């Protein structure tokens, strides 16, 4: 059984204490709507168009046929991952410091 799915992932950015924060959001529909285009215009976003394929009646997979990304999607994604890794390393270091004391 195949079902069409259009999924747009985008980053909403906010500034907290002078630091740029990235928050990922997702908008998914069964077909392409004007909202997908609007999101890509206003936010760093990536739209993935594909099929949801059900295997053996219980396991679903999203098979991507086409990807449309805004110009700043790659930059925002790299910055968000870098920020996440830095915060994760800081949390691990703090936890390690607590264990050694």
N, C-alpha and C. Protein backbone atom coordinates (compact mmCIF):
# COMPACT_ATOMS: atom_id res chain seq x y z
N UNK A 1 0.84 -1.18 0.00
CA UNK A 1 0.00 0.00 0.00
C UNK A 1 0.89 1.24 0.00
N UNK A 2 0.70 2.12 -0.98
CA UNK A 2 1.48 3.34 -1.07
C UNK A 2 0.61 4.55 -0.77
N UNK A 3 1.22 5.50 -0.11
CA UNK A 3 0.53 6.71 0.27
C UNK A 3 1.51 7.87 0.07
N UNK A 4 1.07 8.95 -0.55
CA UNK A 4 1.93 10.11 -0.78
C UNK A 4 2.04 10.93 0.50
N UNK A 5 3.25 11.46 0.73
CA UNK A 5 3.48 12.30 1.90
C UNK A 5 4.42 13.43 1.51
N UNK A 6 4.09 14.63 1.95
CA UNK A 6 4.95 15.80 1.74
C UNK A 6 5.29 16.33 3.13
N UNK A 7 6.59 16.43 3.41
CA UNK A 7 7.05 16.80 4.74
C UNK A 7 8.03 17.96 4.62
N UNK A 8 7.77 19.02 5.36
CA UNK A 8 8.68 20.17 5.37
C UNK A 8 9.24 20.32 6.78
N UNK A 9 10.56 20.25 6.87
CA UNK A 9 11.25 20.47 8.14
C UNK A 9 11.88 21.86 8.06
N UNK A 10 11.72 22.64 9.12
CA UNK A 10 12.26 23.99 9.10
C UNK A 10 12.75 24.41 10.47
N UNK A 11 13.67 25.38 10.47
CA UNK A 11 14.23 25.90 11.71
C UNK A 11 13.62 27.25 12.03
N UNK A 12 13.08 27.37 13.23
CA UNK A 12 12.66 28.66 13.75
C UNK A 12 13.83 29.14 14.59
N UNK A 13 14.25 30.36 14.38
CA UNK A 13 15.39 30.88 15.14
C UNK A 13 14.92 31.95 16.10
N UNK A 14 15.49 31.93 17.29
CA UNK A 14 15.22 32.96 18.30
C UNK A 14 16.56 33.34 18.93
N UNK A 15 16.59 34.50 19.55
CA UNK A 15 17.80 34.93 20.25
C UNK A 15 17.52 34.91 21.74
N UNK A 16 18.33 34.14 22.47
CA UNK A 16 18.19 34.04 23.92
C UNK A 16 19.52 34.48 24.53
N UNK A 17 19.49 35.55 25.29
CA UNK A 17 20.69 36.11 25.92
C UNK A 17 21.80 36.36 24.89
N UNK A 18 21.44 36.86 23.73
CA UNK A 18 22.40 37.16 22.69
C UNK A 18 22.90 35.97 21.89
N UNK A 19 22.39 34.77 22.20
CA UNK A 19 22.81 33.56 21.49
C UNK A 19 21.68 33.11 20.58
N UNK A 20 22.01 32.80 19.33
CA UNK A 20 21.02 32.34 18.37
C UNK A 20 20.62 30.91 18.69
N UNK A 21 19.33 30.65 18.86
CA UNK A 21 18.82 29.31 19.18
C UNK A 21 18.05 28.78 17.98
N UNK A 22 18.22 27.49 17.69
CA UNK A 22 17.53 26.85 16.58
C UNK A 22 16.52 25.85 17.13
N UNK A 23 15.29 25.91 16.63
CA UNK A 23 14.26 24.97 17.04
C UNK A 23 13.67 24.37 15.78
N UNK A 24 13.75 23.04 15.64
CA UNK A 24 13.26 22.41 14.41
C UNK A 24 11.77 22.13 14.54
N UNK A 25 11.06 22.44 13.47
CA UNK A 25 9.62 22.21 13.39
C UNK A 25 9.35 21.33 12.18
N UNK A 26 8.18 20.73 12.14
CA UNK A 26 7.83 19.88 11.00
C UNK A 26 6.39 20.13 10.60
N UNK A 27 6.16 20.18 9.30
CA UNK A 27 4.82 20.35 8.74
C UNK A 27 4.65 19.27 7.68
N UNK A 28 3.68 18.40 7.86
CA UNK A 28 3.49 17.29 6.92
C UNK A 28 2.04 17.22 6.46
N UNK A 29 1.86 16.95 5.16
CA UNK A 29 0.53 16.79 4.59
C UNK A 29 0.57 15.63 3.59
N UNK A 30 -0.59 15.29 3.07
CA UNK A 30 -0.68 14.21 2.10
C UNK A 30 -0.41 14.68 0.67
N UNK A 31 -0.45 16.00 0.45
CA UNK A 31 -0.15 16.54 -0.88
C UNK A 31 0.52 17.90 -0.72
N UNK A 32 1.08 18.40 -1.80
CA UNK A 32 1.75 19.71 -1.77
C UNK A 32 0.71 20.81 -1.59
N UNK A 33 0.96 21.68 -0.64
CA UNK A 33 0.07 22.81 -0.38
C UNK A 33 0.88 24.11 -0.46
N UNK A 34 0.23 25.25 -0.62
CA UNK A 34 0.97 26.53 -0.66
C UNK A 34 1.76 26.80 0.62
N UNK A 35 1.35 26.20 1.73
CA UNK A 35 2.05 26.42 2.99
C UNK A 35 3.49 25.91 2.93
N UNK A 36 3.74 24.83 2.21
CA UNK A 36 5.10 24.31 2.08
C UNK A 36 6.01 25.35 1.43
N UNK A 37 5.52 25.98 0.37
CA UNK A 37 6.27 27.03 -0.32
C UNK A 37 6.48 28.24 0.59
N UNK A 38 5.45 28.61 1.32
CA UNK A 38 5.52 29.75 2.22
C UNK A 38 6.56 29.52 3.32
N UNK A 39 6.59 28.32 3.86
CA UNK A 39 7.56 27.99 4.91
C UNK A 39 8.99 28.11 4.36
N UNK A 40 9.22 27.55 3.15
CA UNK A 40 10.56 27.62 2.55
C UNK A 40 10.97 29.06 2.25
N UNK A 41 10.01 29.94 2.02
CA UNK A 41 10.31 31.35 1.75
C UNK A 41 10.73 32.08 3.02
N UNK A 42 10.10 31.77 4.15
CA UNK A 42 10.33 32.52 5.38
C UNK A 42 11.33 31.89 6.35
N UNK A 43 11.59 30.61 6.26
CA UNK A 43 12.47 29.92 7.19
C UNK A 43 13.49 29.07 6.43
N UNK A 44 14.64 28.76 7.06
CA UNK A 44 15.52 27.75 6.48
C UNK A 44 14.76 26.42 6.51
N UNK A 45 14.46 25.86 5.35
CA UNK A 45 13.58 24.69 5.31
C UNK A 45 13.97 23.72 4.21
N UNK A 46 13.51 22.48 4.39
CA UNK A 46 13.71 21.41 3.41
C UNK A 46 12.38 20.67 3.26
N UNK A 47 11.90 20.57 2.03
CA UNK A 47 10.67 19.84 1.75
C UNK A 47 11.04 18.52 1.10
N UNK A 48 10.51 17.44 1.66
CA UNK A 48 10.76 16.11 1.11
C UNK A 48 9.43 15.53 0.63
N UNK A 49 9.40 15.13 -0.63
CA UNK A 49 8.20 14.56 -1.23
C UNK A 49 8.48 13.09 -1.50
N UNK A 50 7.56 12.22 -1.09
CA UNK A 50 7.81 10.80 -1.29
C UNK A 50 6.59 9.95 -1.02
N UNK A 51 6.84 8.67 -0.90
CA UNK A 51 5.80 7.68 -0.67
C UNK A 51 6.00 7.02 0.68
N UNK A 52 4.92 6.76 1.38
CA UNK A 52 4.96 5.97 2.60
C UNK A 52 4.59 4.55 2.18
N UNK A 53 5.54 3.64 2.30
CA UNK A 53 5.34 2.27 1.86
C UNK A 53 5.21 1.39 3.09
N UNK A 54 4.14 0.60 3.15
CA UNK A 54 3.91 -0.32 4.26
C UNK A 54 4.39 -1.70 3.86
N UNK A 55 5.30 -2.25 4.66
CA UNK A 55 5.86 -3.57 4.39
C UNK A 55 5.28 -4.56 5.38
N UNK A 56 4.77 -5.65 4.88
CA UNK A 56 4.21 -6.73 5.70
C UNK A 56 3.09 -6.26 6.62
N UNK A 57 2.43 -5.20 6.26
CA UNK A 57 1.26 -4.73 7.00
C UNK A 57 1.54 -4.02 8.30
N UNK A 58 2.80 -3.94 8.74
CA UNK A 58 3.04 -3.31 10.04
C UNK A 58 4.18 -2.30 10.03
N UNK A 59 5.14 -2.45 9.15
CA UNK A 59 6.30 -1.56 9.16
C UNK A 59 6.20 -0.55 8.03
N UNK A 60 6.29 0.74 8.35
CA UNK A 60 6.19 1.80 7.35
C UNK A 60 7.55 2.44 7.11
N UNK A 61 7.81 2.75 5.85
CA UNK A 61 9.04 3.44 5.47
C UNK A 61 8.67 4.64 4.61
N UNK A 62 9.42 5.74 4.78
CA UNK A 62 9.21 6.94 3.98
C UNK A 62 10.29 6.94 2.90
N UNK A 63 9.90 6.71 1.66
CA UNK A 63 10.81 6.67 0.53
C UNK A 63 10.75 8.03 -0.17
N UNK A 64 11.86 8.75 -0.14
CA UNK A 64 11.90 10.12 -0.67
C UNK A 64 12.13 10.10 -2.17
N UNK A 65 11.22 10.76 -2.91
CA UNK A 65 11.34 10.87 -4.36
C UNK A 65 12.04 12.17 -4.76
N UNK A 66 11.77 13.25 -4.03
CA UNK A 66 12.28 14.57 -4.40
C UNK A 66 12.50 15.41 -3.15
N UNK A 67 13.58 16.20 -3.15
CA UNK A 67 13.87 17.10 -2.04
C UNK A 67 14.05 18.51 -2.58
N UNK A 68 13.39 19.48 -1.94
CA UNK A 68 13.52 20.89 -2.30
C UNK A 68 13.97 21.62 -1.04
N UNK A 69 15.11 22.30 -1.11
CA UNK A 69 15.64 22.99 0.06
C UNK A 69 15.76 24.48 -0.22
N UNK A 70 15.54 25.28 0.81
CA UNK A 70 15.75 26.72 0.67
C UNK A 70 17.26 26.98 0.67
N UNK A 71 17.65 28.18 0.26
CA UNK A 71 19.07 28.51 0.12
C UNK A 71 19.84 28.40 1.44
N UNK A 72 19.22 28.78 2.54
CA UNK A 72 19.93 28.79 3.82
C UNK A 72 19.69 27.54 4.66
N UNK A 73 19.07 26.50 4.11
CA UNK A 73 18.81 25.27 4.86
C UNK A 73 20.10 24.61 5.33
N UNK A 74 21.05 24.46 4.44
CA UNK A 74 22.29 23.76 4.79
C UNK A 74 23.05 24.52 5.88
N UNK A 75 23.13 25.84 5.77
CA UNK A 75 23.80 26.65 6.79
C UNK A 75 23.12 26.49 8.14
N UNK A 76 21.80 26.62 8.18
CA UNK A 76 21.06 26.54 9.45
C UNK A 76 21.21 25.15 10.06
N UNK A 77 21.15 24.12 9.23
CA UNK A 77 21.28 22.75 9.73
C UNK A 77 22.67 22.53 10.35
N UNK A 78 23.71 23.00 9.68
CA UNK A 78 25.07 22.87 10.21
C UNK A 78 25.24 23.63 11.51
N UNK A 79 24.70 24.84 11.59
CA UNK A 79 24.79 25.64 12.82
C UNK A 79 24.04 24.99 13.98
N UNK A 80 22.86 24.44 13.69
CA UNK A 80 22.07 23.79 14.74
C UNK A 80 22.78 22.55 15.26
N UNK A 81 23.36 21.76 14.37
CA UNK A 81 24.09 20.56 14.79
C UNK A 81 25.32 20.95 15.60
N UNK A 82 26.03 21.97 15.18
CA UNK A 82 27.22 22.45 15.90
C UNK A 82 26.83 22.91 17.31
N UNK A 83 25.72 23.66 17.40
CA UNK A 83 25.26 24.15 18.70
C UNK A 83 24.84 22.98 19.60
N UNK A 84 24.14 21.99 19.03
CA UNK A 84 23.71 20.82 19.81
C UNK A 84 24.92 20.06 20.35
N UNK A 85 25.92 19.85 19.49
CA UNK A 85 27.12 19.11 19.92
C UNK A 85 27.87 19.85 21.01
N UNK A 86 27.96 21.17 20.91
CA UNK A 86 28.64 21.97 21.93
C UNK A 86 27.92 21.88 23.27
N UNK A 87 26.60 21.98 23.25
CA UNK A 87 25.83 21.88 24.49
C UNK A 87 25.91 20.48 25.08
N UNK A 88 25.91 19.47 24.22
CA UNK A 88 26.03 18.09 24.68
C UNK A 88 27.39 17.86 25.34
N UNK A 89 28.46 18.35 24.72
CA UNK A 89 29.80 18.22 25.28
C UNK A 89 29.91 18.95 26.62
N UNK A 90 29.27 20.10 26.73
CA UNK A 90 29.29 20.86 27.98
C UNK A 90 28.56 20.09 29.08
N UNK A 91 27.43 19.46 28.75
CA UNK A 91 26.67 18.68 29.73
C UNK A 91 27.47 17.46 30.18
N UNK A 92 28.14 16.79 29.24
CA UNK A 92 28.94 15.61 29.59
C UNK A 92 30.11 16.02 30.48
N UNK A 93 30.75 17.15 30.17
CA UNK A 93 31.87 17.63 30.98
C UNK A 93 31.40 17.98 32.39
N UNK A 94 30.23 18.60 32.51
CA UNK A 94 29.70 18.95 33.83
C UNK A 94 29.37 17.69 34.63
N UNK A 95 28.81 16.70 33.96
CA UNK A 95 28.48 15.43 34.63
C UNK A 95 29.76 14.74 35.10
N UNK A 96 30.79 14.77 34.26
CA UNK A 96 32.07 14.16 34.64
C UNK A 96 32.70 14.87 35.81
N UNK A 97 32.59 16.20 35.84
CA UNK A 97 33.14 16.98 36.94
C UNK A 97 32.42 16.64 38.25
N UNK A 98 31.12 16.44 38.21
CA UNK A 98 30.36 16.09 39.40
C UNK A 98 30.76 14.70 39.93
N UNK A 99 31.03 13.78 39.03
CA UNK A 99 31.41 12.41 39.44
C UNK A 99 32.78 12.39 40.08
N UNK A 100 33.70 13.21 39.61
CA UNK A 100 35.06 13.18 40.14
C UNK A 100 35.19 13.90 41.47
N UNK A 101 34.24 14.76 41.79
CA UNK A 101 34.31 15.49 43.08
C UNK A 101 33.66 14.74 44.18
